Protein backbone atom coordinates (compact mmCIF):
# COMPACT_ATOMS: atom_id res chain seq x y z
CA MET A 1 -9.07 32.53 -26.02
CA VAL A 2 -12.38 31.35 -27.44
CA SER A 3 -14.20 33.83 -25.20
CA LEU A 4 -12.15 36.75 -26.52
CA VAL A 5 -12.35 35.77 -30.19
CA LEU A 6 -15.82 34.22 -30.55
CA GLY A 7 -17.67 35.30 -27.43
CA GLU A 8 -19.02 33.71 -24.25
CA ALA A 9 -21.60 31.58 -26.07
CA SER A 10 -18.89 29.78 -28.05
CA ALA A 11 -16.75 29.47 -24.93
CA ALA A 12 -19.64 27.78 -23.09
CA LYS A 13 -20.00 25.28 -25.93
CA MET A 14 -16.28 24.54 -25.84
CA ARG A 15 -16.45 23.82 -22.10
CA GLN A 16 -19.13 21.21 -22.74
CA ILE A 17 -16.87 19.17 -25.02
CA ALA A 18 -15.51 16.14 -23.17
CA LEU A 19 -11.77 15.67 -23.01
CA SER A 20 -10.24 12.88 -25.04
CA ASN A 21 -8.95 9.70 -23.38
CA ASN A 22 -5.38 10.70 -24.16
CA THR A 23 -5.83 14.11 -22.54
CA VAL A 24 -7.33 12.58 -19.40
CA GLN A 25 -4.52 10.03 -19.29
CA ARG A 26 -1.88 12.76 -19.58
CA ARG A 27 -3.47 14.82 -16.81
CA ILE A 28 -3.65 11.79 -14.49
CA ALA A 29 -0.01 11.02 -15.25
CA ASP A 30 0.96 14.65 -14.56
CA MET A 31 -0.84 14.63 -11.22
CA SER A 32 0.73 11.30 -10.30
CA ASN A 33 4.21 12.55 -11.17
CA ASP A 34 3.64 15.71 -9.16
CA VAL A 35 2.57 13.75 -6.05
CA LYS A 36 5.54 11.42 -6.50
CA ALA A 37 7.94 14.36 -6.79
CA GLN A 38 6.56 15.96 -3.62
CA ILE A 39 6.90 12.73 -1.61
CA LEU A 40 10.44 12.11 -2.85
CA SER A 41 11.39 15.68 -2.00
CA GLU A 42 10.08 15.26 1.55
CA ILE A 43 11.89 11.92 1.97
CA ARG A 44 15.18 13.44 0.81
CA LEU A 45 14.80 16.19 3.42
CA SER A 46 14.01 13.68 6.17
CA THR A 47 16.82 12.48 8.42
CA LEU A 48 15.53 8.89 8.42
CA PHE A 49 12.88 6.85 6.64
CA ALA A 50 11.58 3.28 6.66
CA ILE A 51 9.82 1.15 4.05
CA GLN A 52 7.20 -1.57 4.14
CA LEU A 53 6.84 -3.85 1.14
CA ASP A 54 5.13 -6.96 -0.13
CA GLU A 55 4.84 -8.80 -3.40
CA SER A 56 1.75 -10.54 -4.63
CA THR A 57 0.51 -12.26 -7.79
CA ASP A 58 -2.97 -11.23 -8.92
CA VAL A 59 -5.57 -13.23 -10.84
CA SER A 60 -3.93 -12.32 -14.17
CA SER A 61 -0.62 -13.88 -13.00
CA CYS A 62 1.02 -10.46 -12.75
CA ALA A 63 3.55 -10.28 -9.92
CA GLN A 64 3.50 -6.85 -8.28
CA LEU A 65 5.75 -5.25 -5.70
CA ILE A 66 4.09 -2.61 -3.53
CA VAL A 67 6.14 -0.34 -1.29
CA PHE A 68 5.02 2.12 1.39
CA VAL A 69 7.28 4.62 3.15
CA LYS A 70 7.27 6.29 6.57
CA TYR A 71 9.40 9.36 7.18
CA ILE A 72 9.70 12.55 9.25
CA HIS A 73 8.36 15.78 7.77
CA SER A 74 7.94 19.06 9.64
CA GLY A 75 8.45 17.27 12.95
CA GLU A 76 5.73 14.69 12.30
CA LEU A 77 5.68 11.12 11.03
CA LYS A 78 4.10 10.67 7.61
CA GLU A 79 3.19 7.41 5.90
CA GLU A 80 2.69 7.41 2.13
CA PHE A 81 2.40 5.02 -0.78
CA LEU A 82 5.81 5.03 -2.48
CA PHE A 83 5.51 2.95 -5.66
CA CYS A 84 4.15 -0.19 -7.28
CA SER A 85 6.18 -2.07 -9.86
CA GLU A 86 5.72 -5.26 -11.85
CA LEU A 87 8.18 -8.10 -11.31
CA GLU A 88 8.52 -9.38 -14.84
CA THR A 89 10.12 -12.79 -14.16
CA THR A 90 10.81 -14.30 -10.74
CA THR A 91 9.97 -12.85 -7.34
CA LYS A 92 13.21 -13.71 -5.57
CA SER A 93 15.03 -11.41 -3.18
CA ASP A 94 17.43 -10.35 -5.95
CA ASP A 95 14.53 -9.22 -8.15
CA ILE A 96 12.90 -7.27 -5.32
CA LEU A 97 16.18 -5.62 -4.33
CA ALA A 98 16.99 -4.69 -7.94
CA THR A 99 13.57 -3.06 -8.38
CA ILE A 100 13.99 -1.00 -5.21
CA GLN A 101 17.55 -0.03 -6.13
CA VAL A 102 16.38 1.33 -9.48
CA PHE A 103 13.69 3.40 -7.78
CA PHE A 104 16.08 4.70 -5.13
CA GLU A 105 18.61 5.76 -7.76
CA SER A 106 16.03 7.46 -9.95
CA GLY A 107 14.48 9.22 -6.94
CA GLY A 108 17.75 10.29 -5.35
CA LEU A 109 17.11 8.38 -2.11
CA GLN A 110 20.09 7.54 0.11
CA TRP A 111 20.56 4.07 1.56
CA ASP A 112 22.26 5.40 4.69
CA LYS A 113 19.00 7.16 5.67
CA LEU A 114 17.02 3.91 5.51
CA CYS A 115 16.47 2.80 9.11
CA GLY A 116 13.80 0.09 8.88
CA VAL A 117 12.31 -2.53 6.55
CA CYS A 118 9.03 -4.35 7.21
CA THR A 119 8.15 -7.49 5.23
CA ASP A 120 6.19 -10.71 5.54
CA GLY A 121 7.78 -13.97 6.66
CA ALA A 122 8.39 -15.53 3.24
CA PRO A 123 11.85 -17.10 2.71
CA ALA A 124 12.56 -14.58 -0.06
CA MET A 125 12.11 -11.83 2.52
CA LEU A 126 13.44 -13.23 5.81
CA GLY A 127 15.84 -15.93 4.59
CA SER A 128 18.97 -15.93 6.78
CA LYS A 129 21.34 -16.53 3.85
CA SER A 130 19.86 -14.84 0.81
CA GLY A 131 16.69 -13.12 2.08
CA PHE A 132 15.78 -9.59 1.08
CA GLN A 133 16.32 -8.16 4.56
CA LYS A 134 19.80 -9.68 4.75
CA LYS A 135 20.71 -8.11 1.40
CA ILE A 136 19.36 -4.75 2.54
CA LYS A 137 21.55 -4.85 5.65
CA GLU A 138 24.58 -5.36 3.42
CA LEU A 139 23.77 -2.01 1.78
CA SER A 140 22.78 -0.26 5.00
CA PRO A 141 24.05 -2.08 8.13
CA LEU A 142 21.96 0.05 10.51
CA VAL A 143 18.64 -1.11 9.02
CA LYS A 144 16.28 -2.85 11.44
CA GLY A 145 14.26 -5.68 9.90
CA VAL A 146 10.69 -6.25 11.11
CA HIS A 147 8.27 -9.10 10.43
CA CYS A 148 4.85 -7.56 9.64
CA MET A 149 2.46 -7.91 12.61
CA ILE A 150 -0.56 -8.53 10.39
CA HIS A 151 1.19 -11.53 8.86
CA ARG A 152 2.15 -12.71 12.35
CA TYR A 153 -1.48 -12.51 13.46
CA ALA A 154 -2.53 -14.51 10.38
CA LEU A 155 0.02 -17.21 11.16
CA ALA A 156 -0.98 -17.32 14.83
CA SER A 157 -4.67 -17.64 13.96
CA LYS A 158 -3.96 -20.87 12.05
CA THR A 159 -2.86 -22.68 15.21
CA LEU A 160 -5.59 -21.58 17.62
CA LEU A 161 -7.30 -24.00 19.97
CA ALA A 162 -10.70 -25.22 18.81
CA GLN A 163 -12.57 -23.04 21.33
CA LEU A 164 -10.65 -19.89 20.35
CA GLN A 165 -10.99 -20.67 16.64
CA LYS A 166 -14.77 -20.90 17.07
CA VAL A 167 -14.82 -17.46 18.70
CA LEU A 168 -12.61 -16.01 15.96
CA ASP A 169 -14.81 -17.48 13.21
CA THR A 170 -17.89 -15.94 14.82
CA VAL A 171 -16.25 -12.52 15.06
CA ILE A 172 -15.14 -12.75 11.42
CA LYS A 173 -18.70 -13.51 10.29
CA ILE A 174 -20.05 -10.54 12.26
CA VAL A 175 -17.44 -8.14 10.93
CA ASN A 176 -17.82 -9.25 7.32
CA TYR A 177 -21.61 -9.02 7.58
CA ILE A 178 -21.37 -5.43 8.81
CA LYS A 179 -18.85 -4.39 6.18
CA SER A 180 -20.53 -6.21 3.27
CA GLY A 181 -23.39 -3.73 2.99
CA ALA A 182 -23.46 0.06 2.95
CA LEU A 183 -26.58 0.19 5.14
CA ASN A 184 -25.09 -2.19 7.70
CA ALA A 185 -21.92 -0.10 7.84
CA ARG A 186 -23.86 3.15 8.36
CA LEU A 187 -26.02 1.65 11.10
CA PHE A 188 -22.96 0.25 12.83
CA ARG A 189 -21.21 3.63 12.57
CA GLU A 190 -24.13 5.34 14.30
CA LEU A 191 -24.16 2.65 16.99
CA CYS A 192 -20.46 3.23 17.62
CA LYS A 193 -21.01 6.98 17.86
CA ASP A 194 -23.67 6.44 20.52
CA MET A 195 -21.23 4.26 22.46
CA ASN A 196 -18.26 6.65 21.90
CA SER A 197 -16.38 3.83 20.20
CA ASP A 198 -13.99 3.88 17.24
CA HIS A 199 -15.47 2.06 14.24
CA GLU A 200 -12.85 2.99 11.61
CA THR A 201 -10.61 0.05 12.59
CA LEU A 202 -13.25 -2.51 11.61
CA LEU A 203 -11.90 -4.18 8.47
CA PHE A 204 -12.57 -7.23 6.36
CA TYR A 205 -10.65 -10.30 7.45
CA THR A 206 -9.05 -12.99 5.34
CA ALA A 207 -6.39 -15.62 5.94
CA VAL A 208 -4.91 -15.16 2.45
CA CYS A 209 -3.85 -12.27 0.28
CA TRP A 210 -6.94 -10.73 -1.35
CA LEU A 211 -5.26 -10.28 -4.76
CA SER A 212 -4.71 -14.01 -5.12
CA LYS A 213 -8.18 -14.72 -3.80
CA GLY A 214 -9.82 -12.64 -6.47
CA ASN A 215 -12.64 -11.42 -4.28
CA VAL A 216 -13.01 -7.75 -3.42
CA LEU A 217 -14.56 -8.63 -0.07
CA ASN A 218 -11.55 -10.63 1.06
CA ARG A 219 -9.31 -7.83 2.14
CA VAL A 220 -7.23 -7.38 5.26
């Protein structure tokens, strides 16, 4: 419009004006809503889907529930981030279930298509009487509950023999040294290429959740 009314010179000046914070925020929200709508549409078309979730309290004492989803789309398995929601009061199984129920209802997701739930081993998740997985099975009896393998590995590593623990500690130091610097990571990547080895699976290790640790390097 500016180009037609005032000419190309004025249009070029208009393009140089930075967008306001509110405009940027609206555009980010629009893109986020569009991605969310696409994922929900694909899940609704899928015959089955499974979720993986965990709750954690960050350094600002904010309890957050993070949920990932795996489903079938166009004959292939897809894994996507589903949603993140704040748990305003307690983090019991009832609170987690209520949050997921609200999202399912708003997104038009059907409980009878839910085939699997993966959680950590906390009592609120795996409790035999009032755990989250037990409550989920009351809504969808065919759901298969799974204890997250990463959490299992973390628990197993706490009871290693002294000799094995020494080896694990050494490996952790090596991995964290490589991943702590951009140059180290690039050199290691080139070394792996020469050896035809996969380097993408090399991750930071920690025995605790990184959000509660408050250190960006302490990530699983």
